[in-house]
Amino acid sequence: MEISKQERLEKLLNAYSHHYDIERDVMLDGTYYSAAANFFLRDENYLISKKHVLSAVENHEYVYFHLCDNLTAEELQKHIDITRNSVLARVKPHKEHMSTFATLVVLADTIEPEAKKLIKKTRFSKYFRLALHGWMEYHIAAMEISTNSFLSNPPGRGARKILEGNFAPMI
């Protein structure tokens, strides 16, 4: 029995919901995303009491979920630009900022060959003040439902593994 894209999204959001805050029906620059997941972690080291913070680091991740029937390279590039620029606008570099990750997860019935190439070659990273104020990296992962195949750019391996863990056929 084949499950719909919406049911797949619900299963995926359930997997993300353990560590992420989930938002539904998100609009970014006039573009609709089925959902978004936000993660924030702050780790501090203290000296004697919490009043004396020795060091602290902050990590952020923003994941956007896009559902479509057929993914073209033009549509994918539009979504990459919108999500990357949105997350860049949210980054506030400071001495405790360590990293921010922007992630696009796509569930598509079919993905055109040019879009597959674009997924694999997409790379973006930005360092703030020579990485003293952290960095930002762009991840992308996609599932082609018709062939049950999974794709990602090299930094997006983690997102691809979440997709595979939820939807890869059991052998």
C-alpha atoms as a PDB file:
ATOM      1  CA  MET A   1       0.000   0.000   0.000  1.00  0.00           C
ATOM      2  CA  GLU A   2       1.479   3.304  -1.157  1.00  0.00           C
ATOM      3  CA  ILE A   3       1.425   6.165   1.315  1.00  0.00           C
ATOM      4  CA  SER A   4       0.807   9.735   0.201  1.00  0.00           C
ATOM      5  CA  LYS A   5       3.310  12.599   0.343  1.00  0.00           C
ATOM      6  CA  GLN A   6       1.328  14.176   3.162  1.00  0.00           C
ATOM      7  CA  GLU A   7       1.503  10.954   5.202  1.00  0.00           C
ATOM      8  CA  ARG A   8       5.236  10.784   4.510  1.00  0.00           C
ATOM      9  CA  LEU A   9       5.587  14.362   5.711  1.00  0.00           C
ATOM     10  CA  GLU A  10       3.723  13.544   8.929  1.00  0.00           C
ATOM     11  CA  LYS A  11       6.045  10.591   9.580  1.00  0.00           C
ATOM     12  CA  LEU A  12       9.094  12.755   8.883  1.00  0.00           C
ATOM     13  CA  LEU A  13       7.854  15.564  11.132  1.00  0.00           C
ATOM     14  CA  ASN A  14       7.283  13.021  13.878  1.00  0.00           C
ATOM     15  CA  ALA A  15      10.947  11.978  13.569  1.00  0.00           C
ATOM     16  CA  TYR A  16      12.089  15.612  13.746  1.00  0.00           C
ATOM     17  CA  SER A  17       9.694  16.599  16.551  1.00  0.00           C
ATOM     18  CA  HIS A  18      11.810  14.989  19.273  1.00  0.00           C
ATOM     19  CA  HIS A  19      14.495  17.678  19.018  1.00  0.00           C
ATOM     20  CA  TYR A  20      12.978  20.396  16.813  1.00  0.00           C
ATOM     21  CA  ASP A  21      10.158  22.904  17.142  1.00  0.00           C
ATOM     22  CA  ILE A  22       7.749  22.263  14.257  1.00  0.00           C
ATOM     23  CA  GLU A  23       5.815  24.970  12.392  1.00  0.00           C
ATOM     24  CA  ARG A  24       3.209  24.165   9.755  1.00  0.00           C
ATOM     25  CA  ASP A  25       2.259  26.064   6.597  1.00  0.00           C
ATOM     26  CA  VAL A  26       5.251  28.403   6.483  1.00  0.00           C
ATOM     27  CA  MET A  27       5.558  31.303   4.030  1.00  0.00           C
ATOM     28  CA  LEU A  28       9.024  32.607   3.078  1.00  0.00           C
ATOM     29  CA  ASP A  29       9.184  35.486   0.607  1.00  0.00           C
ATOM     30  CA  GLY A  30       5.783  34.537  -0.774  1.00  0.00           C
ATOM     31  CA  THR A  31       6.730  30.866  -1.213  1.00  0.00           C
ATOM     32  CA  TYR A  32       4.829  28.136   0.633  1.00  0.00           C
ATOM     33  CA  TYR A  33       6.525  25.339   2.594  1.00  0.00           C
ATOM     34  CA  SER A  34       4.497  22.533   4.141  1.00  0.00           C
ATOM     35  CA  ALA A  35       6.448  22.759   7.376  1.00  0.00           C
ATOM     36  CA  ALA A  36       9.572  24.061   9.046  1.00  0.00           C
ATOM     37  CA  ALA A  37      11.583  22.685  11.947  1.00  0.00           C
ATOM     38  CA  ASN A  38      13.798  24.842  14.148  1.00  0.00           C
ATOM     39  CA  PHE A  39      16.555  23.640  16.455  1.00  0.00           C
ATOM     40  CA  PHE A  40      18.509  25.659  19.022  1.00  0.00           C
ATOM     41  CA  LEU A  41      21.177  24.421  21.415  1.00  0.00           C
ATOM     42  CA  ARG A  42      23.191  26.466  23.877  1.00  0.00           C
ATOM     43  CA  ASP A  43      25.964  24.810  25.848  1.00  0.00           C
ATOM     44  CA  GLU A  44      27.714  26.610  28.697  1.00  0.00           C
ATOM     45  CA  ASN A  45      30.688  25.870  30.938  1.00  0.00           C
ATOM     46  CA  TYR A  46      30.716  27.447  34.389  1.00  0.00           C
ATOM     47  CA  LEU A  47      33.237  28.347  37.032  1.00  0.00           C
ATOM     48  CA  ILE A  48      31.842  27.541  40.498  1.00  0.00           C
ATOM     49  CA  SER A  49      28.327  28.918  39.792  1.00  0.00           C
ATOM     50  CA  LYS A  50      26.099  29.795  36.874  1.00  0.00           C
ATOM     51  CA  LYS A  51      26.930  33.456  37.417  1.00  0.00           C
ATOM     52  CA  HIS A  52      30.461  32.850  36.116  1.00  0.00           C
ATOM     53  CA  VAL A  53      30.210  31.530  32.553  1.00  0.00           C
ATOM     54  CA  LEU A  54      33.590  30.436  31.233  1.00  0.00           C
ATOM     55  CA  SER A  55      32.452  29.681  27.708  1.00  0.00           C
ATOM     56  CA  ALA A  56      29.275  29.148  25.746  1.00  0.00           C
ATOM     57  CA  VAL A  57      28.407  27.963  22.241  1.00  0.00           C
ATOM     58  CA  GLU A  58      25.168  28.207  20.298  1.00  0.00           C
ATOM     59  CA  ASN A  59      24.026  25.974  17.428  1.00  0.00           C
ATOM     60  CA  HIS A  60      21.017  26.596  15.194  1.00  0.00           C
ATOM     61  CA  GLU A  61      19.352  24.584  12.437  1.00  0.00           C
ATOM     62  CA  TYR A  62      16.417  25.598  10.272  1.00  0.00           C
ATOM     63  CA  VAL A  63      14.801  22.835   8.190  1.00  0.00           C
ATOM     64  CA  TYR A  64      12.224  23.566   5.474  1.00  0.00           C
ATOM     65  CA  PHE A  65      10.027  20.832   3.977  1.00  0.00           C
ATOM     66  CA  HIS A  66       8.809  21.103   0.383  1.00  0.00           C
ATOM     67  CA  LEU A  67       6.365  18.690  -1.297  1.00  0.00           C
ATOM     68  CA  CYS A  68       5.940  18.602  -5.071  1.00  0.00           C
ATOM     69  CA  ASP A  69       4.883  16.350  -7.938  1.00  0.00           C
ATOM     70  CA  ASN A  70       7.797  17.019 -10.296  1.00  0.00           C
ATOM     71  CA  LEU A  71      10.926  18.850  -9.173  1.00  0.00           C
ATOM     72  CA  THR A  72      12.647  20.899 -11.875  1.00  0.00           C
ATOM     73  CA  ALA A  73      16.068  22.512 -11.618  1.00  0.00           C
ATOM     74  CA  GLU A  74      14.529  26.009 -11.861  1.00  0.00           C
ATOM     75  CA  GLU A  75      12.066  25.333  -9.039  1.00  0.00           C
ATOM     76  CA  LEU A  76      14.804  23.778  -6.907  1.00  0.00           C
ATOM     77  CA  GLN A  77      17.144  26.743  -7.451  1.00  0.00           C
ATOM     78  CA  LYS A  78      14.343  29.101  -6.401  1.00  0.00           C
ATOM     79  CA  HIS A  79      13.798  27.144  -3.171  1.00  0.00           C
ATOM     80  CA  ILE A  80      17.539  26.967  -2.468  1.00  0.00           C
ATOM     81  CA  ASP A  81      17.887  30.737  -2.853  1.00  0.00           C
ATOM     82  CA  ILE A  82      14.833  31.520  -0.712  1.00  0.00           C
ATOM     83  CA  THR A  83      15.748  29.192   2.168  1.00  0.00           C
ATOM     84  CA  ARG A  84      19.438  30.140   2.143  1.00  0.00           C
ATOM     85  CA  ASN A  85      18.706  33.876   2.160  1.00  0.00           C
ATOM     86  CA  SER A  86      16.052  33.479   4.848  1.00  0.00           C
ATOM     87  CA  VAL A  87      18.458  31.674   7.166  1.00  0.00           C
ATOM     88  CA  LEU A  88      21.285  34.118   6.392  1.00  0.00           C
ATOM     89  CA  ALA A  89      18.977  36.923   7.526  1.00  0.00           C
ATOM     90  CA  ARG A  90      18.313  35.065  10.813  1.00  0.00           C
ATOM     91  CA  VAL A  91      21.990  34.525  11.677  1.00  0.00           C
ATOM     92  CA  LYS A  92      23.251  36.941  14.301  1.00  0.00           C
ATOM     93  CA  PRO A  93      27.004  36.249  14.558  1.00  0.00           C
ATOM     94  CA  HIS A  94      28.611  36.849  17.935  1.00  0.00           C
ATOM     95  CA  LYS A  95      31.432  35.313  19.919  1.00  0.00           C
ATOM     96  CA  GLU A  96      29.215  32.485  21.263  1.00  0.00           C
ATOM     97  CA  HIS A  97      27.669  31.597  17.895  1.00  0.00           C
ATOM     98  CA  MET A  98      29.196  28.339  16.673  1.00  0.00           C
ATOM     99  CA  SER A  99      27.112  27.170  13.723  1.00  0.00           C
ATOM    100  CA  THR A 100      23.905  27.604  11.789  1.00  0.00           C
ATOM    101  CA  PHE A 101      22.617  25.068   9.299  1.00  0.00           C
ATOM    102  CA  ALA A 102      19.967  25.728   6.663  1.00  0.00           C
ATOM    103  CA  THR A 103      18.359  22.523   5.411  1.00  0.00           C
ATOM    104  CA  LEU A 104      15.894  21.944   2.583  1.00  0.00           C
ATOM    105  CA  VAL A 105      14.108  18.571   2.539  1.00  0.00           C
ATOM    106  CA  VAL A 106      12.167  17.764  -0.634  1.00  0.00           C
ATOM    107  CA  LEU A 107       9.624  14.980  -1.121  1.00  0.00           C
ATOM    108  CA  ALA A 108       8.863  14.704  -4.851  1.00  0.00           C
ATOM    109  CA  ASP A 109       7.104  12.112  -6.989  1.00  0.00           C
ATOM    110  CA  THR A 110       9.744  12.637  -9.696  1.00  0.00           C
ATOM    111  CA  ILE A 111      12.963  14.641  -9.870  1.00  0.00           C
ATOM    112  CA  GLU A 112      14.330  15.741 -13.238  1.00  0.00           C
ATOM    113  CA  PRO A 113      17.967  14.817 -14.032  1.00  0.00           C
ATOM    114  CA  GLU A 114      19.098  18.471 -13.999  1.00  0.00           C
ATOM    115  CA  ALA A 115      17.584  18.891 -10.530  1.00  0.00           C
ATOM    116  CA  LYS A 116      19.407  15.752  -9.338  1.00  0.00           C
ATOM    117  CA  LYS A 117      22.690  17.249 -10.543  1.00  0.00           C
ATOM    118  CA  LEU A 118      21.872  20.528  -8.799  1.00  0.00           C
ATOM    119  CA  ILE A 119      21.150  18.724  -5.518  1.00  0.00           C
ATOM    120  CA  LYS A 120      24.507  16.941  -5.609  1.00  0.00           C
ATOM    121  CA  LYS A 121      26.565  20.013  -6.548  1.00  0.00           C
ATOM    122  CA  THR A 122      24.902  22.619  -4.295  1.00  0.00           C
ATOM    123  CA  ARG A 123      27.414  23.977  -1.814  1.00  0.00           C
ATOM    124  CA  PHE A 124      27.271  27.021   0.379  1.00  0.00           C
ATOM    125  CA  SER A 125      29.154  27.924   3.514  1.00  0.00           C
ATOM    126  CA  LYS A 126      29.885  31.259   5.088  1.00  0.00           C
ATOM    127  CA  TYR A 127      32.299  32.084   7.872  1.00  0.00           C
ATOM    128  CA  PHE A 128      31.727  35.037  10.177  1.00  0.00           C
ATOM    129  CA  ARG A 129      34.851  36.948  11.239  1.00  0.00           C
ATOM    130  CA  LEU A 130      37.210  34.169  10.138  1.00  0.00           C
ATOM    131  CA  ALA A 131      34.968  31.632  11.929  1.00  0.00           C
ATOM    132  CA  LEU A 132      35.602  33.324  15.283  1.00  0.00           C
ATOM    133  CA  HIS A 133      31.893  34.178  15.286  1.00  0.00           C
ATOM    134  CA  GLY A 134      30.816  30.844  13.789  1.00  0.00           C
ATOM    135  CA  TRP A 135      29.776  29.648  10.370  1.00  0.00           C
ATOM    136  CA  MET A 136      26.752  28.772   8.270  1.00  0.00           C
ATOM    137  CA  GLU A 137      26.331  25.763   5.977  1.00  0.00           C
ATOM    138  CA  TYR A 138      23.588  24.746   3.521  1.00  0.00           C
ATOM    139  CA  HIS A 139      22.207  21.187   3.463  1.00  0.00           C
ATOM    140  CA  ILE A 140      19.776  19.676   0.996  1.00  0.00           C
ATOM    141  CA  ALA A 141      18.191  16.216   0.893  1.00  0.00           C
ATOM    142  CA  ALA A 142      15.501  14.826  -1.376  1.00  0.00           C
ATOM    143  CA  MET A 143      13.445  11.705  -1.899  1.00  0.00           C
ATOM    144  CA  GLU A 144      12.156  10.674  -5.302  1.00  0.00           C
ATOM    145  CA  ILE A 145       9.071   8.681  -4.350  1.00  0.00           C
ATOM    146  CA  SER A 146       8.531   6.974  -7.737  1.00  0.00           C
ATOM    147  CA  THR A 147      11.957   5.271  -7.625  1.00  0.00           C
ATOM    148  CA  ASN A 148      12.339   5.288  -3.828  1.00  0.00           C
ATOM    149  CA  SER A 149      15.749   6.956  -4.207  1.00  0.00           C
ATOM    150  CA  PHE A 150      17.442   9.428  -1.890  1.00  0.00           C
ATOM    151  CA  LEU A 151      19.775  12.284  -2.825  1.00  0.00           C
ATOM    152  CA  SER A 152      21.740  14.922  -0.954  1.00  0.00           C
ATOM    153  CA  ASN A 153      24.650  17.278  -1.236  1.00  0.00           C
ATOM    154  CA  PRO A 154      27.717  16.216   0.810  1.00  0.00           C
ATOM    155  CA  PRO A 155      26.824  18.299   3.898  1.00  0.00           C
ATOM    156  CA  GLY A 156      23.224  17.023   3.725  1.00  0.00           C
ATOM    157  CA  ARG A 157      24.099  13.411   4.489  1.00  0.00           C
ATOM    158  CA  GLY A 158      22.482  13.639   7.924  1.00  0.00           C
ATOM    159  CA  ALA A 159      19.147  14.786   6.496  1.00  0.00           C
ATOM    160  CA  ARG A 160      19.355  12.068   3.812  1.00  0.00           C
ATOM    161  CA  LYS A 161      19.933   9.434   6.519  1.00  0.00           C
ATOM    162  CA  ILE A 162      16.789  10.592   8.322  1.00  0.00           C
ATOM    163  CA  LEU A 163      14.856  10.198   5.056  1.00  0.00           C
ATOM    164  CA  GLU A 164      16.359   6.750   4.456  1.00  0.00           C
ATOM    165  CA  GLY A 165      15.693   5.687   8.031  1.00  0.00           C
ATOM    166  CA  ASN A 166      12.013   6.518   7.670  1.00  0.00           C
ATOM    167  CA  PHE A 167      11.306   5.482   4.073  1.00  0.00           C
ATOM    168  CA  ALA A 168      13.922   3.035   2.774  1.00  0.00           C
ATOM    169  CA  PRO A 169      12.443  -0.407   2.131  1.00  0.00           C
ATOM    170  CA  MET A 170      13.230  -3.022   4.738  1.00  0.00           C
ATOM    171  CA  ILE A 171      15.192  -5.948   3.343  1.00  0.00           C
END
